């Protein structure tokens, strides 16, 4: 499950399309579906949403553990 989450985060930031695989070094820019159509503002918004969701889950887990220990 964690590999799928990491793959999704890399896809959102547009990093995945820049990693050559199987010796596939192409001349010019790589064609990434999300990275080529999305502007920088969309990437910042997506990164912010991922960060807020992650921090919310961490806060929820901390409160849940604190309640269980009391």
PDB file of N, CA and C in Angstrom:
ATOM      1  N   UNK A   1       0.817  -1.193   0.000  1.00  0.00           N
ATOM      2  CA  UNK A   1       0.000   0.000   0.000  1.00  0.00           C
ATOM      3  C   UNK A   1       0.862   1.259   0.000  1.00  0.00           C
ATOM      4  N   UNK A   2       1.961   1.246   0.749  1.00  0.00           N
ATOM      5  CA  UNK A   2       2.786   2.448   0.838  1.00  0.00           C
ATOM      6  C   UNK A   2       3.471   2.757  -0.492  1.00  0.00           C
ATOM      7  N   UNK A   3       3.775   1.732  -1.282  1.00  0.00           N
ATOM      8  CA  UNK A   3       4.386   1.991  -2.588  1.00  0.00           C
ATOM      9  C   UNK A   3       3.421   2.698  -3.526  1.00  0.00           C
ATOM     10  N   UNK A   4       2.132   2.384  -3.415  1.00  0.00           N
ATOM     11  CA  UNK A   4       1.137   3.049  -4.239  1.00  0.00           C
ATOM     12  C   UNK A   4       1.006   4.516  -3.849  1.00  0.00           C
ATOM     13  N   UNK A   5       1.081   4.795  -2.547  1.00  0.00           N
ATOM     14  CA  UNK A   5       1.005   6.176  -2.076  1.00  0.00           C
ATOM     15  C   UNK A   5       2.227   6.953  -2.556  1.00  0.00           C
ATOM     16  N   UNK A   6       3.410   6.359  -2.432  1.00  0.00           N
ATOM     17  CA  UNK A   6       4.627   7.016  -2.905  1.00  0.00           C
ATOM     18  C   UNK A   6       4.560   7.258  -4.412  1.00  0.00           C
ATOM     19  N   UNK A   7       4.068   6.304  -5.156  1.00  0.00           N
ATOM     20  CA  UNK A   7       3.937   6.454  -6.597  1.00  0.00           C
ATOM     21  C   UNK A   7       2.971   7.593  -6.930  1.00  0.00           C
ATOM     22  N   UNK A   8       1.878   7.701  -6.183  1.00  0.00           N
ATOM     23  CA  UNK A   8       0.901   8.771  -6.422  1.00  0.00           C
ATOM     24  C   UNK A   8       1.502  10.139  -6.107  1.00  0.00           C
ATOM     25  N   UNK A   9       2.263  10.245  -5.024  1.00  0.00           N
ATOM     26  CA  UNK A   9       2.886  11.524  -4.672  1.00  0.00           C
ATOM     27  C   UNK A   9       3.912  11.924  -5.725  1.00  0.00           C
ATOM     28  N   UNK A  10       4.719  10.973  -6.176  1.00  0.00           N
ATOM     29  CA  UNK A  10       5.693  11.278  -7.224  1.00  0.00           C
ATOM     30  C   UNK A  10       4.998  11.684  -8.517  1.00  0.00           C
ATOM     31  N   UNK A  11       3.860  11.073  -8.804  1.00  0.00           N
ATOM     32  CA  UNK A  11       3.107  11.405 -10.014  1.00  0.00           C
ATOM     33  C   UNK A  11       2.537  12.819  -9.905  1.00  0.00           C
ATOM     34  N   UNK A  12       2.036  13.194  -8.706  1.00  0.00           N
ATOM     35  CA  UNK A  12       1.462  14.523  -8.508  1.00  0.00           C
ATOM     36  C   UNK A  12       2.518  15.599  -8.716  1.00  0.00           C
ATOM     37  N   UNK A  13       3.717  15.385  -8.164  1.00  0.00           N
ATOM     38  CA  UNK A  13       4.772  16.381  -8.296  1.00  0.00           C
ATOM     39  C   UNK A  13       5.432  16.349  -9.668  1.00  0.00           C
ATOM     40  N   UNK A  14       5.100  15.398 -10.500  1.00  0.00           N
ATOM     41  CA  UNK A  14       5.662  15.333 -11.842  1.00  0.00           C
ATOM     42  C   UNK A  14       7.074  14.792 -11.883  1.00  0.00           C
ATOM     43  N   UNK A  15       7.496  14.098 -10.841  1.00  0.00           N
ATOM     44  CA  UNK A  15       8.854  13.575 -10.784  1.00  0.00           C
ATOM     45  C   UNK A  15       8.965  12.271 -11.562  1.00  0.00           C
ATOM     46  N   UNK A  16       7.915  11.490 -11.556  1.00  0.00           N
ATOM     47  CA  UNK A  16       7.968  10.132 -12.122  1.00  0.00           C
ATOM     48  C   UNK A  16       8.313  10.131 -13.607  1.00  0.00           C
ATOM     49  N   UNK A  17       7.838  11.106 -14.351  1.00  0.00           N
ATOM     50  CA  UNK A  17       8.095  11.140 -15.779  1.00  0.00           C
ATOM     51  C   UNK A  17       9.524  11.498 -16.136  1.00  0.00           C
ATOM     52  N   UNK A  18      10.306  11.972 -15.165  1.00  0.00           N
ATOM     53  CA  UNK A  18      11.671  12.389 -15.442  1.00  0.00           C
ATOM     54  C   UNK A  18      12.692  11.304 -15.140  1.00  0.00           C
ATOM     55  N   UNK A  19      12.253  10.163 -14.633  1.00  0.00           N
ATOM     56  CA  UNK A  19      13.168   9.077 -14.294  1.00  0.00           C
ATOM     57  C   UNK A  19      13.206   8.103 -15.467  1.00  0.00           C
ATOM     58  N   UNK A  20      14.323   8.001 -16.183  1.00  0.00           N
ATOM     59  CA  UNK A  20      14.387   7.075 -17.319  1.00  0.00           C
ATOM     60  C   UNK A  20      14.460   5.623 -16.840  1.00  0.00           C
ATOM     61  N   UNK A  21      13.750   4.753 -17.532  1.00  0.00           N
ATOM     62  CA  UNK A  21      13.742   3.339 -17.177  1.00  0.00           C
ATOM     63  C   UNK A  21      14.138   2.528 -18.400  1.00  0.00           C
ATOM     64  N   UNK A  22      14.827   1.432 -18.166  1.00  0.00           N
ATOM     65  CA  UNK A  22      15.246   0.510 -19.218  1.00  0.00           C
ATOM     66  C   UNK A  22      16.089   1.215 -20.275  1.00  0.00           C
ATOM     67  N   UNK A  23      16.957   2.150 -19.842  1.00  0.00           N
ATOM     68  CA  UNK A  23      17.833   2.836 -20.778  1.00  0.00           C
ATOM     69  C   UNK A  23      17.103   3.781 -21.714  1.00  0.00           C
ATOM     70  N   UNK A  24      15.942   4.254 -21.324  1.00  0.00           N
ATOM     71  CA  UNK A  24      15.135   5.093 -22.194  1.00  0.00           C
ATOM     72  C   UNK A  24      15.439   6.563 -22.068  1.00  0.00           C
ATOM     73  N   UNK A  25      16.639   6.963 -22.410  1.00  0.00           N
ATOM     74  CA  UNK A  25      16.979   8.371 -22.399  1.00  0.00           C
ATOM     75  C   UNK A  25      16.520   8.985 -23.715  1.00  0.00           C
ATOM     76  N   UNK A  26      15.545   9.845 -23.628  1.00  0.00           N
ATOM     77  CA  UNK A  26      15.012  10.475 -24.826  1.00  0.00           C
ATOM     78  C   UNK A  26      15.650  11.848 -25.018  1.00  0.00           C
ATOM     79  N   UNK A  27      15.726  12.269 -26.250  1.00  0.00           N
ATOM     80  CA  UNK A  27      16.210  13.617 -26.531  1.00  0.00           C
ATOM     81  C   UNK A  27      15.058  14.584 -26.291  1.00  0.00           C
ATOM     82  N   UNK A  28      15.282  15.608 -25.514  1.00  0.00           N
ATOM     83  CA  UNK A  28      14.239  16.586 -25.249  1.00  0.00           C
ATOM     84  C   UNK A  28      13.513  16.299 -23.962  1.00  0.00           C
ATOM     85  N   UNK A  29      12.392  16.964 -23.812  1.00  0.00           N
ATOM     86  CA  UNK A  29      11.599  16.855 -22.594  1.00  0.00           C
ATOM     87  C   UNK A  29      10.793  15.570 -22.566  1.00  0.00           C
ATOM     88  N   UNK A  30      10.654  14.999 -21.367  1.00  0.00           N
ATOM     89  CA  UNK A  30       9.845  13.786 -21.244  1.00  0.00           C
ATOM     90  C   UNK A  30       8.370  14.150 -21.263  1.00  0.00           C
ATOM     91  N   UNK A  31       7.577  13.253 -21.743  1.00  0.00           N
ATOM     92  CA  UNK A  31       6.144  13.477 -21.846  1.00  0.00           C
ATOM     93  C   UNK A  31       5.436  12.882 -20.636  1.00  0.00           C
ATOM     94  N   UNK A  32       5.076  13.723 -19.705  1.00  0.00           N
ATOM     95  CA  UNK A  32       4.314  13.310 -18.541  1.00  0.00           C
ATOM     96  C   UNK A  32       2.929  13.919 -18.661  1.00  0.00           C
ATOM     97  N   UNK A  33       1.901  13.117 -18.498  1.00  0.00           N
ATOM     98  CA  UNK A  33       0.554  13.609 -18.747  1.00  0.00           C
ATOM     99  C   UNK A  33       0.169  14.719 -17.787  1.00  0.00           C
ATOM    100  N   UNK A  34       0.463  14.565 -16.494  1.00  0.00           N
ATOM    101  CA  UNK A  34       0.072  15.577 -15.519  1.00  0.00           C
ATOM    102  C   UNK A  34       1.033  16.755 -15.530  1.00  0.00           C
ATOM    103  N   UNK A  35       2.320  16.471 -15.612  1.00  0.00           N
ATOM    104  CA  UNK A  35       3.322  17.531 -15.509  1.00  0.00           C
ATOM    105  C   UNK A  35       3.278  18.467 -16.715  1.00  0.00           C
ATOM    106  N   UNK A  36       2.940  17.963 -17.876  1.00  0.00           N
ATOM    107  CA  UNK A  36       2.969  18.816 -19.052  1.00  0.00           C
ATOM    108  C   UNK A  36       1.716  19.683 -19.153  1.00  0.00           C
ATOM    109  N   UNK A  37       0.599  19.270 -18.567  1.00  0.00           N
ATOM    110  CA  UNK A  37      -0.641  20.040 -18.681  1.00  0.00           C
ATOM    111  C   UNK A  37      -0.912  20.898 -17.467  1.00  0.00           C
ATOM    112  N   UNK A  38      -0.358  20.536 -16.311  1.00  0.00           N
ATOM    113  CA  UNK A  38      -0.654  21.276 -15.086  1.00  0.00           C
ATOM    114  C   UNK A  38       0.347  22.402 -14.895  1.00  0.00           C
ATOM    115  N   UNK A  39      -0.170  23.523 -14.426  1.00  0.00           N
ATOM    116  CA  UNK A  39       0.705  24.649 -14.144  1.00  0.00           C
ATOM    117  C   UNK A  39       1.314  24.524 -12.759  1.00  0.00           C
ATOM    118  N   UNK A  40       2.218  25.424 -12.460  1.00  0.00           N
ATOM    119  CA  UNK A  40       2.870  25.390 -11.141  1.00  0.00           C
ATOM    120  C   UNK A  40       1.880  25.588  -9.997  1.00  0.00           C
ATOM    121  N   UNK A  41       0.833  26.376 -10.233  1.00  0.00           N
ATOM    122  CA  UNK A  41      -0.159  26.611  -9.185  1.00  0.00           C
ATOM    123  C   UNK A  41      -0.903  25.328  -8.828  1.00  0.00           C
ATOM    124  N   UNK A  42      -1.182  24.503  -9.822  1.00  0.00           N
ATOM    125  CA  UNK A  42      -1.855  23.230  -9.573  1.00  0.00           C
ATOM    126  C   UNK A  42      -0.961  22.293  -8.774  1.00  0.00           C
ATOM    127  N   UNK A  43       0.326  22.285  -9.071  1.00  0.00           N
ATOM    128  CA  UNK A  43       1.255  21.438  -8.316  1.00  0.00           C
ATOM    129  C   UNK A  43       1.359  21.893  -6.867  1.00  0.00           C
ATOM    130  N   UNK A  44       1.402  23.205  -6.654  1.00  0.00           N
ATOM    131  CA  UNK A  44       1.469  23.728  -5.288  1.00  0.00           C
ATOM    132  C   UNK A  44       0.196  23.374  -4.527  1.00  0.00           C
ATOM    133  N   UNK A  45      -0.941  23.486  -5.177  1.00  0.00           N
ATOM    134  CA  UNK A  45      -2.209  23.133  -4.543  1.00  0.00           C
ATOM    135  C   UNK A  45      -2.255  21.647  -4.200  1.00  0.00           C
ATOM    136  N   UNK A  46      -1.803  20.799  -5.099  1.00  0.00           N
ATOM    137  CA  UNK A  46      -1.795  19.366  -4.840  1.00  0.00           C
ATOM    138  C   UNK A  46      -0.842  19.024  -3.700  1.00  0.00           C
ATOM    139  N   UNK A  47       0.314  19.646  -3.671  1.00  0.00           N
ATOM    140  CA  UNK A  47       1.271  19.407  -2.586  1.00  0.00           C
ATOM    141  C   UNK A  47       0.707  19.878  -1.257  1.00  0.00           C
ATOM    142  N   UNK A  48      -0.001  20.994  -1.263  1.00  0.00           N
ATOM    143  CA  UNK A  48      -0.612  21.504  -0.030  1.00  0.00           C
ATOM    144  C   UNK A  48      -1.690  20.553   0.479  1.00  0.00           C
ATOM    145  N   UNK A  49      -2.486  20.033  -0.425  1.00  0.00           N
ATOM    146  CA  UNK A  49      -3.538  19.100  -0.023  1.00  0.00           C
ATOM    147  C   UNK A  49      -2.937  17.827   0.571  1.00  0.00           C
ATOM    148  N   UNK A  50      -1.895  17.301  -0.055  1.00  0.00           N
ATOM    149  CA  UNK A  50      -1.235  16.102   0.469  1.00  0.00           C
ATOM    150  C   UNK A  50      -0.648  16.376   1.848  1.00  0.00           C
ATOM    151  N   UNK A  51      -0.038  17.537   2.035  1.00  0.00           N
ATOM    152  CA  UNK A  51       0.561  17.881   3.327  1.00  0.00           C
ATOM    153  C   UNK A  51      -0.502  18.030   4.408  1.00  0.00           C
ATOM    154  N   UNK A  52      -1.613  18.681   4.095  1.00  0.00           N
ATOM    155  CA  UNK A  52      -2.683  18.871   5.079  1.00  0.00           C
ATOM    156  C   UNK A  52      -3.308  17.534   5.457  1.00  0.00           C
ATOM    157  N   UNK A  53      -3.529  16.676   4.492  1.00  0.00           N
ATOM    158  CA  UNK A  53      -4.104  15.355   4.789  1.00  0.00           C
ATOM    159  C   UNK A  53      -3.152  14.549   5.665  1.00  0.00           C
ATOM    160  N   UNK A  54      -1.873  14.564   5.338  1.00  0.00           N
ATOM    161  CA  UNK A  54      -0.897  13.818   6.121  1.00  0.00           C
ATOM    162  C   UNK A  54      -0.823  14.352   7.559  1.00  0.00           C
ATOM    163  N   UNK A  55      -0.760  15.660   7.722  1.00  0.00           N
ATOM    164  CA  UNK A  55      -0.695  16.240   9.067  1.00  0.00           C
ATOM    165  C   UNK A  55      -1.982  15.985   9.854  1.00  0.00           C
ATOM    166  N   UNK A  56      -3.122  15.986   9.185  1.00  0.00           N
ATOM    167  CA  UNK A  56      -4.384  15.687   9.856  1.00  0.00           C
ATOM    168  C   UNK A  56      -4.407  14.249  10.361  1.00  0.00           C
ATOM    169  N   UNK A  57      -3.910  13.325   9.545  1.00  0.00           N
ATOM    170  CA  UNK A  57      -3.860  11.931   9.977  1.00  0.00           C
ATOM    171  C   UNK A  57      -2.900  11.729  11.141  1.00  0.00           C
ATOM    172  N   UNK A  58      -1.777  12.434  11.128  1.00  0.00           N
ATOM    173  CA  UNK A  58      -0.826  12.331  12.232  1.00  0.00           C
ATOM    174  C   UNK A  58      -1.437  12.891  13.512  1.00  0.00           C
ATOM    175  N   UNK A  59      -2.117  14.028  13.421  1.00  0.00           N
ATOM    176  CA  UNK A  59      -2.768  14.609  14.594  1.00  0.00           C
ATOM    177  C   UNK A  59      -3.866  13.692  15.125  1.00  0.00           C
ATOM    178  N   UNK A  60      -4.660  13.130  14.218  1.00  0.00           N
ATOM    179  CA  UNK A  60      -5.720  12.213  14.645  1.00  0.00           C
ATOM    180  C   UNK A  60      -5.129  10.992  15.352  1.00  0.00           C
ATOM    181  N   UNK A  61      -4.058  10.440  14.820  1.00  0.00           N
ATOM    182  CA  UNK A  61      -3.422   9.275  15.437  1.00  0.00           C
ATOM    183  C   UNK A  61      -2.855   9.621  16.809  1.00  0.00           C
ATOM    184  N   UNK A  62      -2.271  10.802  16.960  1.00  0.00           N
ATOM    185  CA  UNK A  62      -1.714  11.206  18.253  1.00  0.00           C
ATOM    186  C   UNK A  62      -2.813  11.368  19.292  1.00  0.00           C
ATOM    187  N   UNK A  63      -3.912  11.977  18.916  1.00  0.00           N
ATOM    188  CA  UNK A  63      -5.036  12.140  19.854  1.00  0.00           C
ATOM    189  C   UNK A  63      -5.634  10.790  20.194  1.00  0.00           C
ATOM    190  N   UNK A  64      -5.779   9.917  19.208  1.00  0.00           N
ATOM    191  CA  UNK A  64      -6.359   8.597  19.455  1.00  0.00           C
ATOM    192  C   UNK A  64      -5.486   7.790  20.421  1.00  0.00           C
ATOM    193  N   UNK A  65      -4.169   7.851  20.224  1.00  0.00           N
ATOM    194  CA  UNK A  65      -3.243   7.134  21.119  1.00  0.00           C
ATOM    195  C   UNK A  65      -3.302   7.728  22.510  1.00  0.00           C
ATOM    196  N   UNK A  66      -3.380   9.059  22.617  1.00  0.00           N
ATOM    197  CA  UNK A  66      -3.453   9.706  23.926  1.00  0.00           C
ATOM    198  C   UNK A  66      -4.731   9.313  24.667  1.00  0.00           C
ATOM    199  N   UNK A  67      -5.840   9.232  23.955  1.00  0.00           N
ATOM    200  CA  UNK A  67      -7.106   8.825  24.596  1.00  0.00           C
ATOM    201  C   UNK A  67      -7.022   7.377  25.050  1.00  0.00           C
ATOM    202  N   UNK A  68      -6.427   6.514  24.241  1.00  0.00           N
ATOM    203  CA  UNK A  68      -6.307   5.101  24.617  1.00  0.00           C
ATOM    204  C   UNK A  68      -5.401   4.907  25.837  1.00  0.00           C
ATOM    205  N   UNK A  69      -4.378   5.752  25.998  1.00  0.00           N
ATOM    206  CA  UNK A  69      -3.465   5.606  27.118  1.00  0.00           C
ATOM    207  C   UNK A  69      -4.053   6.144  28.428  1.00  0.00           C
ATOM    208  N   UNK A  70      -5.059   7.010  28.342  1.00  0.00           N
ATOM    209  CA  UNK A  70      -5.673   7.563  29.560  1.00  0.00           C
ATOM    210  C   UNK A  70      -6.629   6.637  30.187  1.00  0.00           C
TER     211      UNK A  70
END
